[in-house]
Amino acid sequence: MNSSSSNALVEVDSLIIQAIVNDEIDQISPSPHPGMRMDTFCCGAHGLSLLITAIKAGRPSRSLLFDAGPEGEVWERNAQRLGLDVGAIEHVVLSHWHRDHSGGLVSAVRMISEAAATAKKVTTTSSAVVVDVHPDRPAFRGVMIPEPQEPISLQADPTVRELLDAGAAVRSEDGVHTVLDDMFLVSGEIPREADYEGGIRGGITFNESSGKWEQDEPIMDERDAGTYGSYLWWDEIRTHLRY
């Protein structure tokens, strides 16, 4: 799987963006299943997961997964109910280390790997789906409740070891780079320049060295993924921590 790093984006003709996990569900859009059966609806969950396919004439289409939602069961269920070809996913980008975006990664990697092997989608030298993460994985993240001062911890993100064991090829990267034949760009650190870019109010990270919780509102490991096309200068598929 080609994960080049020239930082020179190739112009693509079009994008297909499929929401696998979102806070809301859509019961009105056409379903790949006949009728309106309740057991074919997707499940809403706190978090995000997008399947993004870039299309360019004369080249194979390339598919990237942006985040994997809060947990594996909802990712697997929704991907199946949407009838997605998950075996076509070649690269996974984690926007930032927060369980509502990373929790489904292990299940997604397993499902992608199994589907790719079954369909023999992978024809390059590496058969492992690449999982692209920021190297600064916190032990735990959470929120500090102001009154009384009490930390609430989120479930820990999957470890690199867990991702490797699931069959992923993990890429730890904090700089700008392109992937999938330069059809996608993954950003480095996103500058916080506007007043509303304060991050998560009360956000904290557990420091294993000191054994204490520390303020972590900006979430500076957050990254974007983007494409370039004649119909858009910069089409960003982002998760914003800008409430």
C-alpha atoms as a PDB file:
ATOM      1  CA  MET A   1       0.000   0.000   0.000  1.00  0.00           C
ATOM      2  CA  ASN A   2       1.513   3.233  -1.153  1.00  0.00           C
ATOM      3  CA  SER A   3       1.758   5.820   1.627  1.00  0.00           C
ATOM      4  CA  SER A   4       3.990   8.382  -0.043  1.00  0.00           C
ATOM      5  CA  SER A   5       5.226  11.534   1.678  1.00  0.00           C
ATOM      6  CA  SER A   6       5.954  14.098  -1.029  1.00  0.00           C
ATOM      7  CA  ASN A   7       3.467  16.600   0.467  1.00  0.00           C
ATOM      8  CA  ALA A   8       2.477  17.438  -3.149  1.00  0.00           C
ATOM      9  CA  LEU A   9      -1.196  16.605  -3.460  1.00  0.00           C
ATOM     10  CA  VAL A  10      -2.496  15.095  -6.682  1.00  0.00           C
ATOM     11  CA  GLU A  11      -5.621  16.771  -8.001  1.00  0.00           C
ATOM     12  CA  VAL A  12      -8.592  14.415  -7.701  1.00  0.00           C
ATOM     13  CA  ASP A  13     -11.806  14.520  -9.704  1.00  0.00           C
ATOM     14  CA  SER A  14     -14.289  13.722  -6.958  1.00  0.00           C
ATOM     15  CA  LEU A  15     -14.784  12.425  -3.436  1.00  0.00           C
ATOM     16  CA  ILE A  16     -17.280  10.018  -1.938  1.00  0.00           C
ATOM     17  CA  ILE A  17     -17.718  10.494   1.813  1.00  0.00           C
ATOM     18  CA  GLN A  18     -19.681   7.924   3.773  1.00  0.00           C
ATOM     19  CA  ALA A  19     -20.456   8.513   7.461  1.00  0.00           C
ATOM     20  CA  ILE A  20     -20.086   5.209   9.312  1.00  0.00           C
ATOM     21  CA  VAL A  21     -20.403   6.598  12.841  1.00  0.00           C
ATOM     22  CA  ASN A  22     -21.937   9.922  13.809  1.00  0.00           C
ATOM     23  CA  ASP A  23     -23.820  11.399  16.747  1.00  0.00           C
ATOM     24  CA  GLU A  24     -27.045  11.264  14.734  1.00  0.00           C
ATOM     25  CA  ILE A  25     -28.762   8.718  12.502  1.00  0.00           C
ATOM     26  CA  ASP A  26     -30.530   9.244   9.195  1.00  0.00           C
ATOM     27  CA  GLN A  27     -33.622   7.109   8.717  1.00  0.00           C
ATOM     28  CA  ILE A  28     -34.790   8.863   5.556  1.00  0.00           C
ATOM     29  CA  SER A  29     -31.956   8.384   3.049  1.00  0.00           C
ATOM     30  CA  PRO A  30     -32.213   5.364   0.744  1.00  0.00           C
ATOM     31  CA  SER A  31     -31.058   2.145   2.367  1.00  0.00           C
ATOM     32  CA  PRO A  32     -29.080  -0.591   0.579  1.00  0.00           C
ATOM     33  CA  HIS A  33     -31.657  -2.991   2.043  1.00  0.00           C
ATOM     34  CA  PRO A  34     -35.224  -3.325   0.666  1.00  0.00           C
ATOM     35  CA  GLY A  35     -38.046  -1.906   2.723  1.00  0.00           C
ATOM     36  CA  MET A  36     -37.652  -0.047   6.002  1.00  0.00           C
ATOM     37  CA  ARG A  37     -36.645  -2.724   8.459  1.00  0.00           C
ATOM     38  CA  MET A  38     -35.648  -1.486  11.893  1.00  0.00           C
ATOM     39  CA  ASP A  39     -32.745  -3.943  12.013  1.00  0.00           C
ATOM     40  CA  THR A  40     -31.141  -2.318   8.972  1.00  0.00           C
ATOM     41  CA  PHE A  41     -30.846   1.187  10.456  1.00  0.00           C
ATOM     42  CA  CYS A  42     -27.433   2.411  11.487  1.00  0.00           C
ATOM     43  CA  CYS A  43     -26.788   3.190  15.136  1.00  0.00           C
ATOM     44  CA  GLY A  44     -25.836   6.660  16.276  1.00  0.00           C
ATOM     45  CA  ALA A  45     -22.968   6.951  18.762  1.00  0.00           C
ATOM     46  CA  HIS A  46     -20.891   9.716  20.300  1.00  0.00           C
ATOM     47  CA  GLY A  47     -17.899   9.981  17.991  1.00  0.00           C
ATOM     48  CA  LEU A  48     -17.008   9.989  14.325  1.00  0.00           C
ATOM     49  CA  SER A  49     -15.931   7.667  11.536  1.00  0.00           C
ATOM     50  CA  LEU A  50     -15.836   8.602   7.844  1.00  0.00           C
ATOM     51  CA  LEU A  51     -14.986   6.462   4.826  1.00  0.00           C
ATOM     52  CA  ILE A  52     -13.519   8.762   2.165  1.00  0.00           C
ATOM     53  CA  THR A  53     -12.841   7.589  -1.382  1.00  0.00           C
ATOM     54  CA  ALA A  54     -10.848   9.762  -3.808  1.00  0.00           C
ATOM     55  CA  ILE A  55     -11.483   9.276  -7.513  1.00  0.00           C
ATOM     56  CA  LYS A  56      -9.228  10.353 -10.378  1.00  0.00           C
ATOM     57  CA  ALA A  57      -9.580   9.385 -14.023  1.00  0.00           C
ATOM     58  CA  GLY A  58      -6.949   6.939 -15.192  1.00  0.00           C
ATOM     59  CA  ARG A  59      -6.056   5.822 -11.669  1.00  0.00           C
ATOM     60  CA  PRO A  60      -7.520   3.343  -9.209  1.00  0.00           C
ATOM     61  CA  SER A  61      -9.749   4.957  -6.591  1.00  0.00           C
ATOM     62  CA  ARG A  62      -8.202   5.121  -3.113  1.00  0.00           C
ATOM     63  CA  SER A  63     -10.101   4.774   0.167  1.00  0.00           C
ATOM     64  CA  LEU A  64      -9.154   6.222   3.537  1.00  0.00           C
ATOM     65  CA  LEU A  65     -10.894   5.748   6.885  1.00  0.00           C
ATOM     66  CA  PHE A  66     -10.908   8.846   9.092  1.00  0.00           C
ATOM     67  CA  ASP A  67     -11.434   7.804  12.716  1.00  0.00           C
ATOM     68  CA  ALA A  68     -13.291   4.701  13.885  1.00  0.00           C
ATOM     69  CA  GLY A  69     -15.899   5.871  16.381  1.00  0.00           C
ATOM     70  CA  PRO A  70     -16.121   5.032  20.096  1.00  0.00           C
ATOM     71  CA  GLU A  71     -16.204   1.220  20.030  1.00  0.00           C
ATOM     72  CA  GLY A  72     -15.943  -1.742  17.697  1.00  0.00           C
ATOM     73  CA  GLU A  73     -19.475  -3.085  17.796  1.00  0.00           C
ATOM     74  CA  VAL A  74     -21.119   0.051  16.424  1.00  0.00           C
ATOM     75  CA  TRP A  75     -18.450   0.389  13.707  1.00  0.00           C
ATOM     76  CA  GLU A  76     -18.879  -3.203  12.560  1.00  0.00           C
ATOM     77  CA  ARG A  77     -22.678  -3.057  12.679  1.00  0.00           C
ATOM     78  CA  ASN A  78     -22.938   0.197  10.735  1.00  0.00           C
ATOM     79  CA  ALA A  79     -20.352  -0.820   8.131  1.00  0.00           C
ATOM     80  CA  GLN A  80     -22.270  -4.035   7.510  1.00  0.00           C
ATOM     81  CA  ARG A  81     -25.673  -2.350   7.406  1.00  0.00           C
ATOM     82  CA  LEU A  82     -24.393   0.257   4.965  1.00  0.00           C
ATOM     83  CA  GLY A  83     -23.082  -2.520   2.732  1.00  0.00           C
ATOM     84  CA  LEU A  84     -19.611  -0.956   2.571  1.00  0.00           C
ATOM     85  CA  ASP A  85     -16.647  -2.548   0.853  1.00  0.00           C
ATOM     86  CA  VAL A  86     -14.365  -2.191   3.867  1.00  0.00           C
ATOM     87  CA  GLY A  87     -11.740  -4.380   2.197  1.00  0.00           C
ATOM     88  CA  ALA A  88     -10.997  -1.436  -0.095  1.00  0.00           C
ATOM     89  CA  ILE A  89      -9.783   0.693   2.841  1.00  0.00           C
ATOM     90  CA  GLU A  90      -6.011   1.013   2.595  1.00  0.00           C
ATOM     91  CA  HIS A  91      -5.170   3.728   5.111  1.00  0.00           C
ATOM     92  CA  VAL A  92      -6.693   4.756   8.436  1.00  0.00           C
ATOM     93  CA  VAL A  93      -6.079   8.207   9.924  1.00  0.00           C
ATOM     94  CA  LEU A  94      -6.776   8.891  13.581  1.00  0.00           C
ATOM     95  CA  SER A  95      -7.561  12.581  14.017  1.00  0.00           C
ATOM     96  CA  HIS A  96      -6.532  12.635  17.685  1.00  0.00           C
ATOM     97  CA  TRP A  97      -6.280  10.407  20.733  1.00  0.00           C
ATOM     98  CA  HIS A  98      -9.757  10.409  22.246  1.00  0.00           C
ATOM     99  CA  ARG A  99     -11.739   7.210  22.774  1.00  0.00           C
ATOM    100  CA  ASP A 100     -14.787   8.447  20.861  1.00  0.00           C
ATOM    101  CA  HIS A 101     -12.569   8.561  17.764  1.00  0.00           C
ATOM    102  CA  SER A 102     -10.182   5.673  18.456  1.00  0.00           C
ATOM    103  CA  GLY A 103     -12.327   3.099  20.250  1.00  0.00           C
ATOM    104  CA  GLY A 104     -13.347   1.212  17.099  1.00  0.00           C
ATOM    105  CA  LEU A 105      -9.861   1.018  15.587  1.00  0.00           C
ATOM    106  CA  VAL A 106      -8.990  -2.534  16.613  1.00  0.00           C
ATOM    107  CA  SER A 107     -12.281  -3.948  15.339  1.00  0.00           C
ATOM    108  CA  ALA A 108     -12.060  -1.875  12.158  1.00  0.00           C
ATOM    109  CA  VAL A 109      -8.539  -3.112  11.421  1.00  0.00           C
ATOM    110  CA  ARG A 110      -9.590  -6.723  11.909  1.00  0.00           C
ATOM    111  CA  MET A 111     -12.672  -6.333   9.738  1.00  0.00           C
ATOM    112  CA  ILE A 112     -10.755  -4.485   6.999  1.00  0.00           C
ATOM    113  CA  SER A 113      -7.960  -7.061   7.006  1.00  0.00           C
ATOM    114  CA  GLU A 114     -10.356 -10.001   6.827  1.00  0.00           C
ATOM    115  CA  ALA A 115     -12.382  -8.412   4.022  1.00  0.00           C
ATOM    116  CA  ALA A 116      -9.262  -7.519   2.042  1.00  0.00           C
ATOM    117  CA  ALA A 117      -7.859 -11.010   2.381  1.00  0.00           C
ATOM    118  CA  THR A 118     -11.154 -12.582   1.337  1.00  0.00           C
ATOM    119  CA  ALA A 119     -11.577 -10.327  -1.682  1.00  0.00           C
ATOM    120  CA  LYS A 120      -7.846 -10.292  -2.451  1.00  0.00           C
ATOM    121  CA  LYS A 121      -7.982  -6.529  -2.661  1.00  0.00           C
ATOM    122  CA  VAL A 122      -4.387  -6.124  -1.562  1.00  0.00           C
ATOM    123  CA  THR A 123      -1.963  -6.633  -4.422  1.00  0.00           C
ATOM    124  CA  THR A 124       1.067  -4.645  -3.222  1.00  0.00           C
ATOM    125  CA  THR A 125       3.967  -5.886  -1.144  1.00  0.00           C
ATOM    126  CA  SER A 126       2.351  -5.025   2.174  1.00  0.00           C
ATOM    127  CA  SER A 127      -0.949  -6.649   3.087  1.00  0.00           C
ATOM    128  CA  ALA A 128      -1.450  -4.700   6.317  1.00  0.00           C
ATOM    129  CA  VAL A 129      -3.763  -1.711   6.475  1.00  0.00           C
ATOM    130  CA  VAL A 130      -1.824   1.356   7.624  1.00  0.00           C
ATOM    131  CA  VAL A 131      -3.070   3.058  10.790  1.00  0.00           C
ATOM    132  CA  ASP A 132      -1.729   6.612  10.884  1.00  0.00           C
ATOM    133  CA  VAL A 133      -1.546   8.019  14.438  1.00  0.00           C
ATOM    134  CA  HIS A 134       0.104  10.890  16.281  1.00  0.00           C
ATOM    135  CA  PRO A 135       3.053   9.589  18.342  1.00  0.00           C
ATOM    136  CA  ASP A 136       1.966  11.377  21.550  1.00  0.00           C
ATOM    137  CA  ARG A 137      -0.587   8.873  22.825  1.00  0.00           C
ATOM    138  CA  PRO A 138      -1.721   9.828  26.342  1.00  0.00           C
ATOM    139  CA  ALA A 139      -2.176   7.201  29.038  1.00  0.00           C
ATOM    140  CA  PHE A 140      -5.646   8.581  29.782  1.00  0.00           C
ATOM    141  CA  ARG A 141      -7.646  11.641  28.888  1.00  0.00           C
ATOM    142  CA  GLY A 142     -10.610  13.040  30.719  1.00  0.00           C
ATOM    143  CA  VAL A 143     -12.459  16.090  31.971  1.00  0.00           C
ATOM    144  CA  MET A 144     -12.056  17.923  35.257  1.00  0.00           C
ATOM    145  CA  ILE A 145     -15.373  18.681  36.922  1.00  0.00           C
ATOM    146  CA  PRO A 146     -15.104  22.202  38.419  1.00  0.00           C
ATOM    147  CA  GLU A 147     -17.220  21.770  41.560  1.00  0.00           C
ATOM    148  CA  PRO A 148     -15.839  19.790  43.241  1.00  0.00           C
ATOM    149  CA  GLN A 149     -12.475  19.467  41.486  1.00  0.00           C
ATOM    150  CA  GLU A 150     -12.830  15.861  40.402  1.00  0.00           C
ATOM    151  CA  PRO A 151     -11.347  14.180  37.315  1.00  0.00           C
ATOM    152  CA  ILE A 152     -13.513  11.951  35.127  1.00  0.00           C
ATOM    153  CA  SER A 153     -11.385   9.645  33.005  1.00  0.00           C
ATOM    154  CA  LEU A 154     -12.254   8.390  29.561  1.00  0.00           C
ATOM    155  CA  GLN A 155     -11.498   4.808  28.649  1.00  0.00           C
ATOM    156  CA  ALA A 156      -7.916   4.508  27.408  1.00  0.00           C
ATOM    157  CA  ASP A 157      -7.226   4.612  23.678  1.00  0.00           C
ATOM    158  CA  PRO A 158      -6.096   1.402  21.972  1.00  0.00           C
ATOM    159  CA  THR A 159      -2.371   0.819  22.322  1.00  0.00           C
ATOM    160  CA  VAL A 160       0.027   0.492  19.418  1.00  0.00           C
ATOM    161  CA  ARG A 161       0.535  -3.126  20.480  1.00  0.00           C
ATOM    162  CA  GLU A 162      -3.201  -3.800  20.205  1.00  0.00           C
ATOM    163  CA  LEU A 163      -3.272  -2.288  16.726  1.00  0.00           C
ATOM    164  CA  LEU A 164      -0.292  -4.357  15.619  1.00  0.00           C
ATOM    165  CA  ASP A 165      -1.832  -7.520  17.031  1.00  0.00           C
ATOM    166  CA  ALA A 166      -5.021  -6.774  15.080  1.00  0.00           C
ATOM    167  CA  GLY A 167      -2.978  -6.751  11.870  1.00  0.00           C
ATOM    168  CA  ALA A 168      -2.237  -3.056  11.325  1.00  0.00           C
ATOM    169  CA  ALA A 169       0.953  -1.449  10.124  1.00  0.00           C
ATOM    170  CA  VAL A 170       1.190   1.499  12.521  1.00  0.00           C
ATOM    171  CA  ARG A 171       2.621   4.788  11.270  1.00  0.00           C
ATOM    172  CA  SER A 172       3.392   7.325  14.026  1.00  0.00           C
ATOM    173  CA  GLU A 173       3.672  10.743  12.429  1.00  0.00           C
ATOM    174  CA  ASP A 174       3.359  14.294  13.769  1.00  0.00           C
ATOM    175  CA  GLY A 175       4.334  16.135  10.574  1.00  0.00           C
ATOM    176  CA  VAL A 176       2.575  16.893   7.313  1.00  0.00           C
ATOM    177  CA  HIS A 177       2.581  13.974   4.871  1.00  0.00           C
ATOM    178  CA  THR A 178       0.684  12.625   1.904  1.00  0.00           C
ATOM    179  CA  VAL A 179      -0.699   9.107   1.594  1.00  0.00           C
ATOM    180  CA  LEU A 180      -2.272   6.803  -0.993  1.00  0.00           C
ATOM    181  CA  ASP A 181      -0.362   8.011  -4.073  1.00  0.00           C
ATOM    182  CA  ASP A 182      -0.542  11.614  -2.865  1.00  0.00           C
ATOM    183  CA  MET A 183      -4.344  11.713  -3.096  1.00  0.00           C
ATOM    184  CA  PHE A 184      -4.701  12.588   0.609  1.00  0.00           C
ATOM    185  CA  LEU A 185      -2.753  14.911   2.868  1.00  0.00           C
ATOM    186  CA  VAL A 186      -2.520  14.424   6.630  1.00  0.00           C
ATOM    187  CA  SER A 187      -1.714  17.598   8.515  1.00  0.00           C
ATOM    188  CA  GLY A 188       0.689  18.140  11.334  1.00  0.00           C
ATOM    189  CA  GLU A 189      -0.143  20.207  14.383  1.00  0.00           C
ATOM    190  CA  ILE A 190      -3.061  22.586  13.823  1.00  0.00           C
ATOM    191  CA  PRO A 191      -2.287  26.110  15.082  1.00  0.00           C
ATOM    192  CA  ARG A 192      -4.865  27.506  17.503  1.00  0.00           C
ATOM    193  CA  GLU A 193      -5.269  31.093  16.312  1.00  0.00           C
ATOM    194  CA  ALA A 194      -8.927  32.070  16.788  1.00  0.00           C
ATOM    195  CA  ASP A 195     -10.520  32.903  20.110  1.00  0.00           C
ATOM    196  CA  TYR A 196     -13.003  30.038  19.802  1.00  0.00           C
ATOM    197  CA  GLU A 197     -10.249  27.436  19.324  1.00  0.00           C
ATOM    198  CA  GLY A 198      -9.892  26.758  23.007  1.00  0.00           C
ATOM    199  CA  GLY A 199     -10.362  23.022  22.758  1.00  0.00           C
ATOM    200  CA  ILE A 200     -12.286  21.052  25.341  1.00  0.00           C
ATOM    201  CA  ARG A 201     -13.099  23.042  28.474  1.00  0.00           C
ATOM    202  CA  GLY A 202     -11.735  21.181  31.473  1.00  0.00           C
ATOM    203  CA  GLY A 203      -9.781  18.723  29.298  1.00  0.00           C
ATOM    204  CA  ILE A 204      -7.081  16.832  31.202  1.00  0.00           C
ATOM    205  CA  THR A 205      -4.402  14.201  30.587  1.00  0.00           C
ATOM    206  CA  PHE A 206      -2.976  11.764  33.111  1.00  0.00           C
ATOM    207  CA  ASN A 207       0.802  12.038  33.496  1.00  0.00           C
ATOM    208  CA  GLU A 208       2.098   8.570  34.338  1.00  0.00           C
ATOM    209  CA  SER A 209       5.474   9.935  35.467  1.00  0.00           C
ATOM    210  CA  SER A 210       4.048  12.279  38.077  1.00  0.00           C
ATOM    211  CA  GLY A 211       0.901  10.259  38.773  1.00  0.00           C
ATOM    212  CA  LYS A 212      -1.170  13.427  38.388  1.00  0.00           C
ATOM    213  CA  TRP A 213      -3.784  14.832  36.047  1.00  0.00           C
ATOM    214  CA  GLU A 214      -2.641  17.830  33.975  1.00  0.00           C
ATOM    215  CA  GLN A 215      -4.561  20.435  31.982  1.00  0.00           C
ATOM    216  CA  ASP A 216      -4.917  19.438  28.330  1.00  0.00           C
ATOM    217  CA  GLU A 217      -7.635  21.602  26.780  1.00  0.00           C
ATOM    218  CA  PRO A 218      -6.093  22.346  23.328  1.00  0.00           C
ATOM    219  CA  ILE A 219      -5.654  18.643  22.283  1.00  0.00           C
ATOM    220  CA  MET A 220      -2.577  19.522  20.227  1.00  0.00           C
ATOM    221  CA  ASP A 221      -2.231  16.056  18.687  1.00  0.00           C
ATOM    222  CA  GLU A 222      -5.346  16.746  16.582  1.00  0.00           C
ATOM    223  CA  ARG A 223      -4.754  16.439  12.820  1.00  0.00           C
ATOM    224  CA  ASP A 224      -6.686  16.982   9.587  1.00  0.00           C
ATOM    225  CA  ALA A 225      -6.964  14.906   6.446  1.00  0.00           C
ATOM    226  CA  GLY A 226      -7.580  16.680   3.149  1.00  0.00           C
ATOM    227  CA  THR A 227      -7.664  16.400  -0.638  1.00  0.00           C
ATOM    228  CA  TYR A 228      -7.178  18.774  -3.557  1.00  0.00           C
ATOM    229  CA  GLY A 229      -9.401  19.158  -6.614  1.00  0.00           C
ATOM    230  CA  SER A 230     -10.312  21.653  -9.290  1.00  0.00           C
ATOM    231  CA  TYR A 231     -13.698  22.105  -7.638  1.00  0.00           C
ATOM    232  CA  LEU A 232     -12.184  22.930  -4.260  1.00  0.00           C
ATOM    233  CA  TRP A 233      -8.939  24.376  -2.984  1.00  0.00           C
ATOM    234  CA  TRP A 234      -8.835  22.446   0.269  1.00  0.00           C
ATOM    235  CA  ASP A 235     -11.530  19.981   1.161  1.00  0.00           C
ATOM    236  CA  GLU A 236     -10.954  19.206   4.803  1.00  0.00           C
ATOM    237  CA  ILE A 237     -12.431  16.207   6.552  1.00  0.00           C
ATOM    238  CA  ARG A 238     -11.920  17.273  10.138  1.00  0.00           C
ATOM    239  CA  THR A 239     -13.014  16.786  13.645  1.00  0.00           C
ATOM    240  CA  HIS A 240     -13.200  20.132  15.396  1.00  0.00           C
ATOM    241  CA  LEU A 241     -12.600  20.618  19.073  1.00  0.00           C
ATOM    242  CA  ARG A 242     -14.125  24.083  18.803  1.00  0.00           C
ATOM    243  CA  TYR A 243     -17.248  24.328  20.901  1.00  0.00           C
END
